[in-house]
C-alpha atoms as a PDB file:
ATOM      1  CA  MET A   1       0.000   0.000   0.000  1.00  0.00           C
ATOM      2  CA  ASN A   2       3.042   2.214  -0.158  1.00  0.00           C
ATOM      3  CA  GLU A   3       2.431   2.959  -3.805  1.00  0.00           C
ATOM      4  CA  PRO A   4       0.462   6.093  -4.662  1.00  0.00           C
ATOM      5  CA  ARG A   5      -1.579   4.174  -7.238  1.00  0.00           C
ATOM      6  CA  ASP A   6      -2.841   1.846  -4.487  1.00  0.00           C
ATOM      7  CA  ILE A   7      -3.983   4.773  -2.389  1.00  0.00           C
ATOM      8  CA  ILE A   8      -5.611   6.420  -5.403  1.00  0.00           C
ATOM      9  CA  SER A   9      -7.365   3.163  -6.279  1.00  0.00           C
ATOM     10  CA  LEU A  10      -8.676   2.800  -2.732  1.00  0.00           C
ATOM     11  CA  ALA A  11      -9.888   6.417  -2.737  1.00  0.00           C
ATOM     12  CA  GLN A  12     -11.601   5.899  -6.104  1.00  0.00           C
ATOM     13  CA  ASP A  13     -13.345   2.787  -4.811  1.00  0.00           C
ATOM     14  CA  ALA A  14     -14.500   4.655  -1.702  1.00  0.00           C
ATOM     15  CA  ILE A  15     -15.841   7.582  -3.748  1.00  0.00           C
ATOM     16  CA  LYS A  16     -17.594   5.192  -6.117  1.00  0.00           C
ATOM     17  CA  MET A  17     -19.136   3.424  -3.119  1.00  0.00           C
ATOM     18  CA  VAL A  18     -20.413   6.701  -1.658  1.00  0.00           C
ATOM     19  CA  LEU A  19     -21.968   7.641  -4.998  1.00  0.00           C
ATOM     20  CA  MET A  20     -23.598   4.238  -5.402  1.00  0.00           C
ATOM     21  CA  LEU A  21     -24.955   4.310  -1.846  1.00  0.00           C
ATOM     22  CA  SER A  22     -26.411   7.803  -2.103  1.00  0.00           C
ATOM     23  CA  SER A  23     -27.669   7.825  -5.700  1.00  0.00           C
ATOM     24  CA  PRO A  24     -31.006   5.980  -5.228  1.00  0.00           C
ATOM     25  CA  MET A  25     -32.168   8.364  -2.517  1.00  0.00           C
ATOM     26  CA  LEU A  26     -30.902  11.426  -4.355  1.00  0.00           C
ATOM     27  CA  ILE A  27     -32.572  10.407  -7.619  1.00  0.00           C
ATOM     28  CA  PHE A  28     -35.911   9.738  -5.942  1.00  0.00           C
ATOM     29  CA  GLY A  29     -35.693  13.035  -4.055  1.00  0.00           C
ATOM     30  CA  LEU A  30     -34.831  14.857  -7.266  1.00  0.00           C
ATOM     31  CA  LEU A  31     -37.721  13.347  -9.213  1.00  0.00           C
ATOM     32  CA  VAL A  32     -40.261  14.033  -6.476  1.00  0.00           C
ATOM     33  CA  GLY A  33     -38.907  17.556  -6.017  1.00  0.00           C
ATOM     34  CA  LEU A  34     -39.235  18.201  -9.739  1.00  0.00           C
ATOM     35  CA  ALA A  35     -42.802  16.883  -9.779  1.00  0.00           C
ATOM     36  CA  VAL A  36     -43.761  18.983  -6.752  1.00  0.00           C
ATOM     37  CA  SER A  37     -42.153  22.073  -8.286  1.00  0.00           C
ATOM     38  CA  ILE A  38     -44.096  21.598 -11.511  1.00  0.00           C
ATOM     39  CA  PHE A  39     -47.280  21.108  -9.487  1.00  0.00           C
ATOM     40  CA  GLN A  40     -46.594  24.258  -7.466  1.00  0.00           C
ATOM     41  CA  ALA A  41     -45.849  26.281 -10.591  1.00  0.00           C
ATOM     42  CA  THR A  42     -49.022  25.197 -12.360  1.00  0.00           C
ATOM     43  CA  THR A  43     -51.315  25.690  -9.364  1.00  0.00           C
ATOM     44  CA  GLN A  44     -49.465  28.758  -7.987  1.00  0.00           C
ATOM     45  CA  ILE A  45     -49.368  27.221  -4.512  1.00  0.00           C
ATOM     46  CA  GLN A  46     -46.185  28.408  -2.813  1.00  0.00           C
ATOM     47  CA  GLU A  47     -46.143  26.425   0.416  1.00  0.00           C
ATOM     48  CA  ALA A  48     -42.682  25.441   1.687  1.00  0.00           C
ATOM     49  CA  THR A  49     -43.862  22.296   3.453  1.00  0.00           C
ATOM     50  CA  LEU A  50     -45.491  21.090   0.243  1.00  0.00           C
ATOM     51  CA  ALA A  51     -42.037  20.910  -1.324  1.00  0.00           C
ATOM     52  CA  PHE A  52     -40.240  19.484   1.704  1.00  0.00           C
ATOM     53  CA  VAL A  53     -42.474  16.719   3.056  1.00  0.00           C
ATOM     54  CA  PRO A  54     -42.915  14.698  -0.182  1.00  0.00           C
ATOM     55  CA  LYS A  55     -39.156  14.699  -0.770  1.00  0.00           C
ATOM     56  CA  ILE A  56     -38.487  13.393   2.739  1.00  0.00           C
ATOM     57  CA  ILE A  57     -41.104  10.679   2.289  1.00  0.00           C
ATOM     58  CA  ALA A  58     -39.677   9.723  -1.120  1.00  0.00           C
ATOM     59  CA  VAL A  59     -36.155   9.468   0.282  1.00  0.00           C
ATOM     60  CA  MET A  60     -37.332   7.288   3.175  1.00  0.00           C
ATOM     61  CA  ILE A  61     -39.337   5.006   0.861  1.00  0.00           C
ATOM     62  CA  SER A  62     -36.425   4.685  -1.564  1.00  0.00           C
ATOM     63  CA  PHE A  63     -34.147   3.831   1.359  1.00  0.00           C
ATOM     64  CA  LEU A  64     -36.529   1.067   2.422  1.00  0.00           C
ATOM     65  CA  ILE A  65     -36.792  -0.245  -1.142  1.00  0.00           C
ATOM     66  CA  PHE A  66     -33.058  -0.205  -1.855  1.00  0.00           C
ATOM     67  CA  SER A  67     -31.752  -1.118   1.608  1.00  0.00           C
ATOM     68  CA  PRO A  68     -31.044  -4.806   0.771  1.00  0.00           C
ATOM     69  CA  TRP A  69     -29.001  -3.746  -2.256  1.00  0.00           C
ATOM     70  CA  LEU A  70     -27.244  -0.998  -0.295  1.00  0.00           C
ATOM     71  CA  LEU A  71     -26.431  -3.437   2.494  1.00  0.00           C
ATOM     72  CA  SER A  72     -24.932  -5.954   0.073  1.00  0.00           C
ATOM     73  CA  LEU A  73     -22.809  -3.205  -1.514  1.00  0.00           C
ATOM     74  CA  ILE A  74     -21.413  -1.975   1.770  1.00  0.00           C
ATOM     75  CA  LEU A  75     -20.795  -5.518   3.040  1.00  0.00           C
ATOM     76  CA  ASP A  76     -18.911  -6.457  -0.138  1.00  0.00           C
ATOM     77  CA  PHE A  77     -16.807  -3.308   0.100  1.00  0.00           C
ATOM     78  CA  THR A  78     -16.060  -3.923   3.782  1.00  0.00           C
ATOM     79  CA  ASN A  79     -15.140  -7.563   3.145  1.00  0.00           C
ATOM     80  CA  LYS A  80     -12.816  -6.448   0.353  1.00  0.00           C
ATOM     81  CA  LEU A  81     -11.152  -3.953   2.698  1.00  0.00           C
ATOM     82  CA  PHE A  82     -10.661  -6.538   5.447  1.00  0.00           C
ATOM     83  CA  GLU A  83      -9.350  -9.167   3.009  1.00  0.00           C
ATOM     84  CA  ASN A  84      -6.737  -6.720   1.730  1.00  0.00           C
ATOM     85  CA  MET A  85      -5.870  -5.322   5.153  1.00  0.00           C
ATOM     86  CA  ASN A  86      -2.389  -6.853   5.098  1.00  0.00           C
ATOM     87  CA  THR A  87      -1.513  -4.904   1.947  1.00  0.00           C
ATOM     88  CA  PHE A  88      -2.714  -1.666   3.529  1.00  0.00           C
ATOM     89  CA  ILE A  89      -0.511  -2.099   6.590  1.00  0.00           C
ATOM     90  CA  LYS A  90       2.758  -2.907   4.795  1.00  0.00           C
END
């Protein structure tokens, strides 16, 4: 793990993992936020809670839907880190 390319590879894997773990919730929140914004623009209702509450609910539902997949991703990444621990310590 003394090589810079090993550290860069580990950092890239960690960043990719963060993006994969957060993307389902962010995409659902984005889509619901867009739909609520279009609804608010067409009906001229400008209530702040109308934009906030559906996004929170969508993020929580998407977390519940994708949690088995997210758990398998994080477990695989953690197992990979622990299996290669001896190369990180050298």
